[in-house]
């Protein structure tokens, strides 16, 4: 529709321009929050769920910060091949 790629009935596009827009928005929030990926104090978490993960930048970073934590990211569309996710 309108030259964009959509996933089933989801109202937002899932194509590359949308992924770039969401990446830039992620960078804005990182800047606003002083580089912190969470405003919640986490004391050695064991499980983190990222709903609407997109390409997974946030989930991947949380896995790097908390290497002993199981981080699961889910989204309506598979944007990143799972074999490329650390």
Protein backbone atom coordinates (compact mmCIF):
# COMPACT_ATOMS: atom_id res chain seq x y z
CA UNK A 1 0.00 0.00 0.00
CA UNK A 2 1.35 3.43 -0.98
CA UNK A 3 4.64 1.80 -2.01
CA UNK A 4 5.38 0.65 1.57
CA UNK A 5 5.70 -2.84 3.06
CA UNK A 6 3.25 -3.89 5.77
CA UNK A 7 2.79 -7.00 7.89
CA UNK A 8 -0.78 -8.32 7.64
CA UNK A 9 -3.18 -5.82 9.28
CA UNK A 10 -0.52 -3.85 11.20
CA UNK A 11 -1.04 -0.13 10.55
CA UNK A 12 2.65 0.86 10.43
CA UNK A 13 5.08 -0.05 7.65
CA UNK A 14 7.90 -2.52 8.36
CA UNK A 15 10.19 -1.61 5.46
CA UNK A 16 13.71 -0.15 5.51
CA UNK A 17 12.64 3.54 5.76
CA UNK A 18 10.59 2.67 8.84
CA UNK A 19 13.48 0.72 10.35
CA UNK A 20 15.75 3.74 9.85
CA UNK A 21 13.14 6.01 11.47
CA UNK A 22 12.84 3.69 14.46
CA UNK A 23 16.63 3.44 14.80
CA UNK A 24 16.87 7.25 14.87
CA UNK A 25 14.09 7.41 17.47
CA UNK A 26 16.03 4.85 19.55
CA UNK A 27 19.10 7.10 19.35
CA UNK A 28 17.04 10.13 20.46
CA UNK A 29 15.79 8.25 23.53
CA UNK A 30 19.32 7.10 24.35
CA UNK A 31 20.43 10.73 24.24
CA UNK A 32 17.49 11.90 26.37
CA UNK A 33 18.20 9.21 28.99
CA UNK A 34 21.93 9.90 29.11
CA UNK A 35 22.91 6.73 27.28
CA UNK A 36 21.01 4.48 29.69
CA UNK A 37 18.89 1.74 28.12
CA UNK A 38 16.49 1.59 31.07
CA UNK A 39 15.20 4.05 33.62
CA UNK A 40 14.42 1.16 35.98
CA UNK A 41 17.02 -0.06 38.44
CA UNK A 42 17.82 -3.67 37.59
CA UNK A 43 19.71 -5.75 40.14
CA UNK A 44 21.03 -8.83 38.35
CA UNK A 45 17.91 -9.64 36.28
CA UNK A 46 17.43 -13.20 35.04
CA UNK A 47 14.77 -12.56 32.36
CA UNK A 48 13.96 -9.55 30.18
CA UNK A 49 11.16 -9.40 27.60
CA UNK A 50 11.22 -6.84 24.78
CA UNK A 51 7.80 -6.65 23.11
CA UNK A 52 7.90 -4.97 19.70
CA UNK A 53 11.64 -5.44 19.42
CA UNK A 54 12.00 -4.46 15.75
CA UNK A 55 15.60 -5.04 14.74
CA UNK A 56 16.56 -5.71 18.34
CA UNK A 57 19.08 -2.97 19.20
CA UNK A 58 17.67 -2.55 22.71
CA UNK A 59 17.39 -6.28 23.40
CA UNK A 60 20.90 -6.96 22.12
CA UNK A 61 22.35 -4.18 24.29
CA UNK A 62 20.51 -5.44 27.37
CA UNK A 63 21.98 -8.88 26.72
CA UNK A 64 25.45 -7.32 26.57
CA UNK A 65 24.93 -5.38 29.80
CA UNK A 66 23.43 -8.39 31.60
CA UNK A 67 25.22 -11.44 30.11
CA UNK A 68 23.69 -13.87 32.64
CA UNK A 69 20.17 -12.77 31.73
CA UNK A 70 17.87 -14.42 29.16
CA UNK A 71 16.65 -11.65 26.87
CA UNK A 72 13.73 -12.44 24.58
CA UNK A 73 12.63 -10.03 21.87
CA UNK A 74 9.38 -10.55 19.96
CA UNK A 75 7.82 -8.64 17.11
CA UNK A 76 4.98 -9.01 14.63
CA UNK A 77 7.46 -9.37 11.76
CA UNK A 78 10.86 -11.02 11.63
CA UNK A 79 13.18 -8.12 10.79
CA UNK A 80 16.47 -9.77 11.66
CA UNK A 81 17.45 -13.35 10.90
CA UNK A 82 17.70 -15.19 14.21
CA UNK A 83 21.07 -16.69 13.26
CA UNK A 84 22.54 -13.17 13.30
CA UNK A 85 21.35 -12.38 16.81
CA UNK A 86 23.99 -12.90 19.51
